[in-house]
C-alpha cells in the first residue's frame, strides 16, 4: 500500500518566477548528437534530484545502485533535496560539480527548459538507442516532456488524479457506486451534503478552486480541452470545453450553498498535508486528488471505508470515463555537461528499463512512467491503487501543454476561475476572451 508520500506534482505547482528568470539566461551546450564522451570508459557523473523524505532518498539510492551494477564503469554522485532554483542556477553556470543529469517536479517548466537550451534534446539519443517514446511512455507523459518538437526531458514516474470517496457515507445516502458522469456527480454531491446551522456537518464535495487539488487544470482534464492552437494562441475563449468546465463547476458551487458559505466552511477545515485533511476526518465525502492521497488517508486511520475511482466526465463524454489528469517528475541532461553519453545511459536506465521503473515506483509510491511498467506483475500496491495505473495508461487522459513561459498561463486561468466562481466576474464569455488575450500577451513577451 502506498505510504504517506506527497505526490510529485503538488510540490512545485506554481514555483515559477525565480526558476524562469534563471532559465532565461541558461547556457546552450552541446547538442545531443554532438556528445563526444566515451560512455564505456571509467567516469563519474552528477545526478541532482529534489526528493528529500527518507524513504524517497532511499528509493533513489536503490535506483542508482541498480544502474551502477549494470554499468560498473559509470559512477553516480547523487545530490538530493535540490530545488528547481538551485538546479537552474547550476544549469546556468556549469562546472565540475554541476549536475550532468537532473530531475524536477516542475513539468510546467519543460517549455522553458527546452526553448532556453538548458537541457539537451533527447530525440537523437532515443533514436540511436532504437527506443520509440510514442510506444514507450503513456500518451500524456509523452506530451508533457517535450516542447515544439524538442524532447529535452523524459518522464520519471508520474501522478494521476482521480476521485476518492467515503464508501460508508455513500451507503448511508443510498448511493451504490461512484459517479461516472458530471450529472451523477452533482446529484451525489447534493445527497452527501448534510447541513448544520449555516455550515455543514458533511459536505458532499468541495468544488472551490481553492479546495486543495481542485484546480482548474485538474478539473478541466475531464473535458479534454485544447489549450493552444497550431498558431500558439490561447484557445481558452474558442474551445467550448473551457466554457463548459467553468459553467458546470460554478453550478456545483451554487448548488452546494454558494461561494461565500463554502469558503467559510473551508476556512474551518484542516490543511491539505496534515492528518486533519477534511476527507480524512469525514467532513468532506468526495475528494479530487492524486495517487499519494490513498496512503496518507489510510495512515490517518479514518472511521470509514475509502473508495477510489476515476473522476467523472461530462455527460456527453461518458464513453471516455476512466481518464484523468496526468503529471509527474521529469529528468534531463544538462547542456553544460561534458559527459552527455554517460548521462544518457543513466537517463535511459531510469526511464525505460522496466524493472528499474517498477522498483522505483514501488519505493516512491508514485505511478510508473512506462506502459510496460504499468502492466508489470512486480508492482506492489493496494488494489485500489490500480485505478491510478489505469488512469495513467488511458489514452484519453490529458495533461497541460508546455509553454515558453512555463506555467504562467495556468496561473492566469486559475485566477480567472477564482474571479468567476466568487461572482467577481459574471460575463463568462467576455472573461474568457480577456483571459486568453492576457495569456497571449504574456507568451509574446516571454519570447
Protein backbone atom coordinates (compact mmCIF):
# COMPACT_ATOMS: atom_id res chain seq x y z
CA UNK A 1 0.00 0.00 0.00
CA UNK A 2 1.26 3.48 -0.74
CA UNK A 3 2.53 5.32 2.28
CA UNK A 4 2.00 8.98 3.10
CA UNK A 5 4.30 10.24 0.39
CA UNK A 6 3.18 13.50 -1.22
CA UNK A 7 2.89 13.40 -4.99
CA UNK A 8 5.45 14.98 -7.23
CA UNK A 9 3.22 17.47 -8.95
CA UNK A 10 1.95 19.32 -5.91
CA UNK A 11 5.44 20.12 -4.62
CA UNK A 12 6.09 22.75 -7.25
CA UNK A 13 2.66 23.73 -8.53
CA UNK A 14 3.35 27.41 -9.07
CA UNK A 15 7.05 27.77 -8.11
CA UNK A 16 7.90 29.52 -11.33
CA UNK A 17 9.23 33.06 -11.17
CA UNK A 18 12.77 32.56 -9.91
CA UNK A 19 13.21 29.39 -11.94
CA UNK A 20 12.14 31.04 -15.16
CA UNK A 21 14.41 34.02 -14.63
CA UNK A 22 17.41 31.75 -14.27
CA UNK A 23 16.43 29.54 -17.17
CA UNK A 24 16.15 32.57 -19.43
CA UNK A 25 19.91 33.04 -19.14
CA UNK A 26 20.88 29.37 -19.25
CA UNK A 27 23.82 28.43 -21.42
CA UNK A 28 23.28 26.34 -24.51
CA UNK A 29 25.80 23.50 -24.56
CA UNK A 30 26.44 20.58 -26.85
CA UNK A 31 23.51 19.14 -28.76
CA UNK A 32 22.53 15.56 -28.14
CA UNK A 33 24.01 14.46 -31.46
CA UNK A 34 27.24 16.26 -30.61
CA UNK A 35 28.06 14.39 -27.40
CA UNK A 36 31.67 13.16 -27.63
CA UNK A 37 32.47 11.41 -24.33
CA UNK A 38 33.07 7.66 -24.29
CA UNK A 39 30.43 6.08 -22.04
CA UNK A 40 32.40 2.81 -21.93
CA UNK A 41 35.27 4.46 -20.07
CA UNK A 42 35.58 4.90 -16.31
CA UNK A 43 33.74 8.09 -15.39
CA UNK A 44 31.69 9.82 -12.71
CA UNK A 45 28.54 11.85 -13.34
CA UNK A 46 26.47 14.05 -11.06
CA UNK A 47 22.74 13.48 -10.58
CA UNK A 48 20.71 16.15 -8.79
CA UNK A 49 17.17 15.46 -7.66
CA UNK A 50 14.58 17.07 -5.40
CA UNK A 51 13.36 14.15 -3.30
CA UNK A 52 14.02 14.64 0.38
CA UNK A 53 11.91 12.30 2.55
CA UNK A 54 13.96 9.39 3.96
CA UNK A 55 12.08 6.69 2.05
CA UNK A 56 12.31 8.75 -1.15
CA UNK A 57 16.07 9.27 -0.81
CA UNK A 58 16.45 5.56 -0.09
CA UNK A 59 14.48 4.70 -3.24
CA UNK A 60 16.69 6.97 -5.38
CA UNK A 61 19.84 5.38 -3.94
CA UNK A 62 18.45 1.94 -4.74
CA UNK A 63 17.65 3.04 -8.30
CA UNK A 64 21.17 4.39 -8.81
CA UNK A 65 22.73 1.28 -7.25
CA UNK A 66 20.92 -0.82 -9.84
CA UNK A 67 22.30 1.39 -12.59
CA UNK A 68 25.86 1.20 -11.29
CA UNK A 69 25.61 -2.58 -11.11
CA UNK A 70 24.55 -2.65 -14.76
CA UNK A 71 27.17 -0.03 -15.71
CA UNK A 72 30.14 -0.66 -13.38
CA UNK A 73 32.32 1.88 -15.17
CA UNK A 74 29.89 4.78 -14.58
CA UNK A 75 29.77 6.11 -11.04
CA UNK A 76 26.97 8.42 -9.96
CA UNK A 77 27.35 11.16 -7.40
CA UNK A 78 23.81 11.72 -6.10
CA UNK A 79 22.75 15.06 -4.61
CA UNK A 80 19.26 15.12 -3.07
CA UNK A 81 16.85 17.81 -1.90
CA UNK A 82 17.78 20.18 -4.73
CA UNK A 83 15.13 22.76 -5.51
CA UNK A 84 14.46 23.97 -9.04
CA UNK A 85 16.09 27.28 -8.19
CA UNK A 86 19.33 25.53 -7.21
CA UNK A 87 19.17 23.24 -10.22
CA UNK A 88 18.57 26.12 -12.61
CA UNK A 89 21.46 28.11 -11.15
CA UNK A 90 23.74 25.12 -11.71
CA UNK A 91 22.44 24.62 -15.24
CA UNK A 92 23.30 28.24 -15.94
CA UNK A 93 26.83 28.19 -14.54
CA UNK A 94 28.03 24.64 -15.20
CA UNK A 95 31.31 23.34 -13.78
CA UNK A 96 32.64 20.03 -12.46
CA UNK A 97 30.23 19.99 -9.52
CA UNK A 98 27.19 20.93 -11.58
CA UNK A 99 24.67 18.23 -12.50
CA UNK A 100 25.02 16.13 -15.61
CA UNK A 101 21.54 14.73 -15.04
CA UNK A 102 18.70 16.49 -13.22
CA UNK A 103 15.19 15.62 -12.15
CA UNK A 104 12.48 18.16 -11.44
CA UNK A 105 8.94 18.06 -10.10
CA UNK A 106 8.03 21.10 -12.23
CA UNK A 107 6.62 19.82 -15.50
CA UNK A 108 5.33 23.37 -16.05
CA UNK A 109 8.92 24.40 -16.81
CA UNK A 110 9.51 21.97 -19.69
CA UNK A 111 8.84 24.66 -22.29
CA UNK A 112 11.45 26.90 -20.75
CA UNK A 113 13.95 24.06 -20.25
CA UNK A 114 13.67 23.20 -23.94
CA UNK A 115 13.50 26.66 -25.51
CA UNK A 116 16.37 28.05 -23.43
CA UNK A 117 18.71 25.18 -24.22
CA UNK A 118 19.29 24.45 -20.52
CA UNK A 119 18.67 20.76 -21.23
CA UNK A 120 19.65 18.99 -24.44
CA UNK A 121 17.24 17.45 -26.93
CA UNK A 122 17.00 13.74 -26.17
CA UNK A 123 15.48 12.80 -29.53
CA UNK A 124 18.86 11.84 -31.09
CA UNK A 125 19.64 9.61 -28.12
CA UNK A 126 16.27 7.83 -28.25
CA UNK A 127 16.68 7.33 -31.99
CA UNK A 128 20.21 5.95 -31.64
CA UNK A 129 19.04 3.57 -28.90
CA UNK A 130 16.13 2.39 -31.03
CA UNK A 131 13.59 3.47 -28.42
CA UNK A 132 10.29 4.95 -29.59
CA UNK A 133 8.92 7.33 -26.91
CA UNK A 134 5.46 7.15 -28.51
CA UNK A 135 5.16 3.44 -27.70
CA UNK A 136 7.24 3.51 -24.51
CA UNK A 137 5.54 6.21 -22.43
CA UNK A 138 1.86 6.86 -21.70
CA UNK A 139 0.40 9.44 -24.09
CA UNK A 140 0.07 12.31 -21.56
CA UNK A 141 3.57 11.74 -20.13
CA UNK A 142 4.99 11.65 -23.63
CA UNK A 143 3.35 15.03 -24.28
CA UNK A 144 4.47 16.92 -21.17
CA UNK A 145 8.15 16.05 -21.66
CA UNK A 146 8.58 17.94 -24.96
CA UNK A 147 8.07 21.37 -26.46
CA UNK A 148 7.81 22.30 -30.14
CA UNK A 149 9.47 19.07 -31.25
CA UNK A 150 12.29 19.30 -28.68
CA UNK A 151 12.19 16.36 -26.27
CA UNK A 152 14.52 17.83 -23.66
CA UNK A 153 13.10 15.72 -20.81
CA UNK A 154 11.83 12.22 -20.19
CA UNK A 155 9.21 11.07 -17.64
CA UNK A 156 10.47 9.68 -14.33
CA UNK A 157 7.37 8.38 -12.50
CA UNK A 158 4.09 10.24 -12.61
CA UNK A 159 0.99 11.40 -10.79
CA UNK A 160 -2.58 10.58 -11.79
CA UNK A 161 -5.66 12.32 -10.43
CA UNK A 162 -8.93 10.60 -9.55
CA UNK A 163 -11.84 10.66 -7.11
CA UNK A 164 -11.65 9.50 -3.51
CA UNK A 165 -14.99 8.80 -1.86
CA UNK A 166 -16.33 7.83 1.55
CA UNK A 167 -17.95 4.46 0.91
CA UNK A 168 -19.60 4.47 4.33
CA UNK A 169 -21.24 7.84 3.64
CA UNK A 170 -22.27 6.58 0.20
CA UNK A 171 -24.12 3.62 1.74
CA UNK A 172 -25.89 5.88 4.25
CA UNK A 173 -27.02 8.12 1.38
CA UNK A 174 -28.23 5.15 -0.67
CA UNK A 175 -25.55 5.60 -3.34
CA UNK A 176 -24.40 2.24 -4.69
CA UNK A 177 -21.49 3.22 -6.96
CA UNK A 178 -19.14 6.16 -7.59
CA UNK A 179 -20.44 8.72 -10.11
CA UNK A 180 -19.29 8.32 -13.69
CA UNK A 181 -20.83 11.41 -15.30
CA UNK A 182 -21.00 15.02 -14.17
CA UNK A 183 -24.76 14.91 -13.63
CA UNK A 184 -24.35 11.87 -11.38
CA UNK A 185 -21.53 13.69 -9.59
CA UNK A 186 -23.76 16.71 -8.93
CA UNK A 187 -26.59 14.52 -7.68
CA UNK A 188 -24.31 12.58 -5.34
CA UNK A 189 -22.63 15.74 -4.04
CA UNK A 190 -26.05 17.11 -3.08
CA UNK A 191 -27.19 13.83 -1.48
CA UNK A 192 -23.99 13.62 0.57
CA UNK A 193 -24.25 17.18 1.87
CA UNK A 194 -25.68 17.45 5.38
CA UNK A 195 -26.31 20.96 6.65
CA UNK A 196 -25.54 22.11 10.18
CA UNK A 197 -26.65 25.62 11.08
CA UNK A 198 -25.20 27.97 8.49
CA UNK A 199 -22.48 25.43 7.70
CA UNK A 200 -22.17 21.72 7.07
CA UNK A 201 -21.97 18.57 9.13
CA UNK A 202 -20.77 16.86 5.96
CA UNK A 203 -20.09 18.40 2.56
CA UNK A 204 -20.50 16.15 -0.45
CA UNK A 205 -17.61 17.76 -2.32
CA UNK A 206 -15.62 20.97 -2.00
CA UNK A 207 -15.88 22.42 -5.54
CA UNK A 208 -13.99 25.69 -4.95
CA UNK A 209 -10.76 26.16 -6.91
CA UNK A 210 -9.08 26.84 -3.55
CA UNK A 211 -10.22 23.39 -2.42
CA UNK A 212 -6.84 21.66 -2.21
CA UNK A 213 -6.32 19.78 -5.50
CA UNK A 214 -9.49 21.00 -7.26
CA UNK A 215 -7.58 23.39 -9.54
CA UNK A 216 -8.75 24.38 -12.98
CA UNK A 217 -6.29 22.12 -14.81
CA UNK A 218 -7.25 19.10 -12.70
CA UNK A 219 -10.97 19.67 -13.30
CA UNK A 220 -10.71 20.51 -16.98
CA UNK A 221 -8.74 17.38 -17.87
CA UNK A 222 -12.11 15.60 -17.77
CA UNK A 223 -13.36 17.93 -20.54
CA UNK A 224 -10.28 17.30 -22.75
CA UNK A 225 -9.65 20.94 -23.66
CA UNK A 226 -7.18 22.22 -26.25
CA UNK A 227 -5.19 24.98 -24.55
CA UNK A 228 -3.36 26.31 -27.61
CA UNK A 229 -3.97 26.31 -31.35
CA UNK A 230 -1.40 25.47 -34.01
CA UNK A 231 -0.61 29.18 -34.16
CA UNK A 232 0.40 29.10 -30.49
CA UNK A 233 -2.54 31.29 -29.45
CA UNK A 234 -4.71 30.50 -26.43
CA UNK A 235 -7.95 28.69 -27.24
CA UNK A 236 -9.50 29.50 -23.87
CA UNK A 237 -12.28 31.56 -25.49
CA UNK A 238 -12.70 29.26 -28.51
CA UNK A 239 -12.72 25.69 -27.24
CA UNK A 240 -16.20 25.01 -25.77
CA UNK A 241 -14.62 22.64 -23.24
CA UNK A 242 -13.46 25.60 -21.16
CA UNK A 243 -16.84 27.32 -21.10
CA UNK A 244 -18.50 24.04 -20.17
CA UNK A 245 -15.96 23.34 -17.44
CA UNK A 246 -16.32 26.76 -15.83
CA UNK A 247 -20.10 26.62 -16.12
CA UNK A 248 -20.54 23.21 -14.51
CA UNK A 249 -18.11 23.96 -11.69
CA UNK A 250 -19.88 27.25 -10.93
CA UNK A 251 -23.25 25.50 -10.96
CA UNK A 252 -21.98 22.99 -8.43
CA UNK A 253 -20.65 25.81 -6.23
CA UNK A 254 -24.09 27.44 -6.28
CA UNK A 255 -25.96 24.17 -5.68
CA UNK A 256 -23.89 23.32 -2.62
CA UNK A 257 -24.54 26.61 -0.87
CA UNK A 258 -22.69 29.29 -2.78
CA UNK A 259 -19.12 30.51 -2.79
CA UNK A 260 -19.21 32.51 0.46
CA UNK A 261 -20.75 29.68 2.51
CA UNK A 262 -18.33 27.15 1.08
CA UNK A 263 -15.35 29.40 1.77
CA UNK A 264 -16.42 29.98 5.37
CA UNK A 265 -16.62 26.22 5.85
CA UNK A 266 -13.29 25.63 4.10
CA UNK A 267 -11.61 28.09 6.49
CA UNK A 268 -12.54 25.81 9.42
CA UNK A 269 -11.03 22.68 7.87
CA UNK A 270 -7.61 21.08 8.19
CA UNK A 271 -4.78 21.64 5.73
CA UNK A 272 -4.00 19.51 2.71
CA UNK A 273 -0.99 17.65 4.07
CA UNK A 274 -1.87 17.08 7.72
CA UNK A 275 -3.88 14.28 9.35
CA UNK A 276 -6.86 16.65 9.73
CA UNK A 277 -7.46 16.86 5.99
CA UNK A 278 -11.28 17.08 5.70
CA UNK A 279 -11.52 13.90 3.65
CA UNK A 280 -9.61 12.01 6.34
CA UNK A 281 -11.99 13.31 9.02
CA UNK A 282 -15.17 12.65 7.05
CA UNK A 283 -16.11 16.33 6.81
CA UNK A 284 -15.93 16.11 3.00
CA UNK A 285 -17.31 12.95 1.40
CA UNK A 286 -15.61 13.14 -2.01
CA UNK A 287 -12.17 14.48 -2.91
CA UNK A 288 -10.34 15.15 -6.18
CA UNK A 289 -6.74 14.10 -5.52
CA UNK A 290 -3.64 12.26 -6.68
CA UNK A 291 -2.49 8.72 -6.06
CA UNK A 292 -0.50 9.68 -2.96
CA UNK A 293 -3.69 10.56 -1.04
CA UNK A 294 -4.58 6.90 -0.50
CA UNK A 295 -1.58 6.21 1.72
CA UNK A 296 -1.98 9.48 3.58
CA UNK A 297 -5.69 8.87 4.17
CA UNK A 298 -5.17 5.34 5.44
CA UNK A 299 -2.36 6.48 7.72
CA UNK A 300 -4.81 8.93 9.32
CA UNK A 301 -6.93 5.90 10.33
CA UNK A 302 -10.31 7.18 9.11
CA UNK A 303 -13.54 5.87 10.63
CA UNK A 304 -14.90 4.90 7.21
CA UNK A 305 -14.07 2.79 4.18
CA UNK A 306 -12.20 4.61 1.40
CA UNK A 307 -13.15 4.11 -2.22
CA UNK A 308 -11.18 5.19 -5.29
CA UNK A 309 -12.47 5.78 -8.82
CA UNK A 310 -11.75 7.94 -11.85
CA UNK A 311 -13.13 11.47 -11.72
CA UNK A 312 -16.50 11.76 -13.50
CA UNK A 313 -16.64 13.03 -17.08
CA UNK A 314 -19.13 15.37 -18.81
CA UNK A 315 -22.31 13.55 -19.77
CA UNK A 316 -21.55 13.83 -23.49
CA UNK A 317 -18.17 12.13 -22.94
CA UNK A 318 -19.47 9.17 -20.94
CA UNK A 319 -17.62 6.78 -23.25
CA UNK A 320 -14.32 8.29 -22.01
CA UNK A 321 -14.94 7.57 -18.33
CA UNK A 322 -11.67 6.37 -16.84
CA UNK A 323 -9.49 9.25 -17.96
CA UNK A 324 -7.86 11.84 -15.71
CA UNK A 325 -5.20 14.49 -15.33
CA UNK A 326 -1.58 13.32 -15.55
CA UNK A 327 1.64 15.00 -14.48
CA UNK A 328 4.86 13.86 -12.83
CA UNK A 329 8.60 14.12 -12.40
CA UNK A 330 10.87 14.82 -15.36
CA UNK A 331 14.55 14.13 -15.96
CA UNK A 332 17.02 15.54 -18.45
CA UNK A 333 20.67 16.09 -19.35
CA UNK A 334 22.39 19.41 -18.72
CA UNK A 335 23.57 21.25 -21.83
CA UNK A 336 26.72 22.23 -19.90
CA UNK A 337 27.62 18.59 -19.23
CA UNK A 338 30.74 17.21 -20.92
CA UNK A 339 29.61 13.64 -20.17
CA UNK A 340 26.35 13.53 -22.08
CA UNK A 341 26.72 9.97 -23.39
CA UNK A 342 27.31 8.63 -19.89
CA UNK A 343 24.49 10.83 -18.63
CA UNK A 344 22.22 9.34 -21.29
CA UNK A 345 22.95 5.84 -20.04
CA UNK A 346 21.60 6.87 -16.62
CA UNK A 347 18.56 8.62 -18.09
CA UNK A 348 17.82 5.67 -20.35
CA UNK A 349 18.06 3.23 -17.45
CA UNK A 350 15.91 5.28 -15.07
CA UNK A 351 13.18 5.98 -17.61
CA UNK A 352 12.97 2.92 -19.89
CA UNK A 353 14.28 -0.12 -18.00
CA UNK A 354 11.04 -1.80 -16.89
CA UNK A 355 12.39 -3.38 -13.70
CA UNK A 356 14.13 -0.14 -12.73
CA UNK A 357 10.94 1.90 -13.24
CA UNK A 358 8.86 -0.64 -11.33
CA UNK A 359 11.32 -0.80 -8.44
CA UNK A 360 11.43 2.98 -8.19
CA UNK A 361 7.63 3.23 -8.34
CA UNK A 362 7.38 0.70 -5.53
CA UNK A 363 9.80 2.74 -3.44
CA UNK A 364 8.35 6.19 -4.11
CA UNK A 365 4.69 5.09 -4.37
CA UNK A 366 4.04 7.11 -7.50
CA UNK A 367 2.69 5.90 -10.84
CA UNK A 368 5.17 4.10 -13.15
CA UNK A 369 6.05 6.08 -16.26
CA UNK A 370 6.24 3.44 -19.00
CA UNK A 371 3.42 1.41 -20.49
CA UNK A 372 5.34 -1.80 -19.79
CA UNK A 373 5.91 -0.92 -16.14
CA UNK A 374 2.22 -0.09 -15.67
CA UNK A 375 1.45 -3.72 -16.56
CA UNK A 376 4.30 -5.32 -14.63
CA UNK A 377 3.38 -8.12 -12.19
CA UNK A 378 6.23 -6.88 -9.99
CA UNK A 379 4.32 -3.75 -8.99
CA UNK A 380 3.39 -3.68 -5.32
CA UNK A 381 0.25 -1.76 -4.44
CA UNK A 382 -3.06 -1.65 -2.64
CA UNK A 383 -5.72 -2.99 -5.06
CA UNK A 384 -7.36 0.44 -5.06
CA UNK A 385 -4.15 1.91 -6.48
CA UNK A 386 -4.95 0.05 -9.71
CA UNK A 387 -7.34 2.90 -10.53
CA UNK A 388 -4.44 5.33 -10.92
CA UNK A 389 -2.43 2.91 -13.04
CA UNK A 390 -5.41 2.59 -15.36
CA UNK A 391 -5.88 6.38 -15.50
CA UNK A 392 -2.21 6.81 -16.44
CA UNK A 393 -2.49 4.25 -19.22
CA UNK A 394 -5.80 5.58 -20.55
CA UNK A 395 -5.23 7.19 -23.99
CA UNK A 396 -7.92 9.78 -23.23
CA UNK A 397 -6.09 11.06 -20.14
CA UNK A 398 -4.66 14.53 -20.64
CA UNK A 399 -2.08 16.91 -19.29
CA UNK A 400 -1.39 20.63 -19.64
CA UNK A 401 0.92 21.53 -22.54
CA UNK A 402 4.35 23.10 -22.19
CA UNK A 403 4.67 26.83 -22.80
CA UNK A 404 7.67 29.08 -23.39
CA UNK A 405 6.95 30.89 -20.12
CA UNK A 406 6.24 27.78 -18.11
CA UNK A 407 3.00 27.53 -16.18
CA UNK A 408 2.19 31.23 -16.18
CA UNK A 409 -0.86 30.60 -18.36
CA UNK A 410 -2.19 28.11 -15.79
CA UNK A 411 -1.85 30.66 -13.01
CA UNK A 412 -3.77 33.15 -15.19
CA UNK A 413 -6.57 30.65 -15.83
CA UNK A 414 -6.74 29.72 -12.16
CA UNK A 415 -7.03 33.39 -11.17
CA UNK A 416 -9.90 33.81 -13.61
CA UNK A 417 -11.50 30.75 -12.02
CA UNK A 418 -11.36 32.44 -8.61
CA UNK A 419 -12.97 35.56 -10.03
CA UNK A 420 -15.72 33.65 -11.81
CA UNK A 421 -16.71 31.25 -9.03
CA UNK A 422 -16.80 34.10 -6.49
CA UNK A 423 -19.04 36.26 -8.68
CA UNK A 424 -16.45 38.94 -9.26
CA UNK A 425 -16.74 38.18 -12.98
CA UNK A 426 -20.26 37.50 -14.27
CA UNK A 427 -19.83 37.52 -18.06
CA UNK A 428 -18.11 34.21 -18.72
CA UNK A 429 -17.58 34.62 -22.47
CA UNK A 430 -16.11 38.11 -22.10
CA UNK A 431 -13.95 36.93 -19.22
CA UNK A 432 -12.58 34.04 -21.26
CA UNK A 433 -11.72 36.38 -24.13
CA UNK A 434 -9.93 38.79 -21.80
CA UNK A 435 -8.03 35.96 -20.10
CA UNK A 436 -7.00 34.44 -23.44
CA UNK A 437 -5.67 37.82 -24.56
CA UNK A 438 -3.63 38.08 -21.37
CA UNK A 439 -2.15 34.62 -21.92
CA UNK A 440 -1.16 35.53 -25.49
CA UNK A 441 0.42 38.80 -24.31
CA UNK A 442 2.43 37.04 -21.62
CA UNK A 443 3.74 34.43 -24.03
CA UNK A 444 4.67 37.03 -26.64
CA UNK A 445 6.62 38.99 -24.05
CA UNK A 446 8.47 35.85 -22.93
CA UNK A 447 9.81 35.05 -26.40
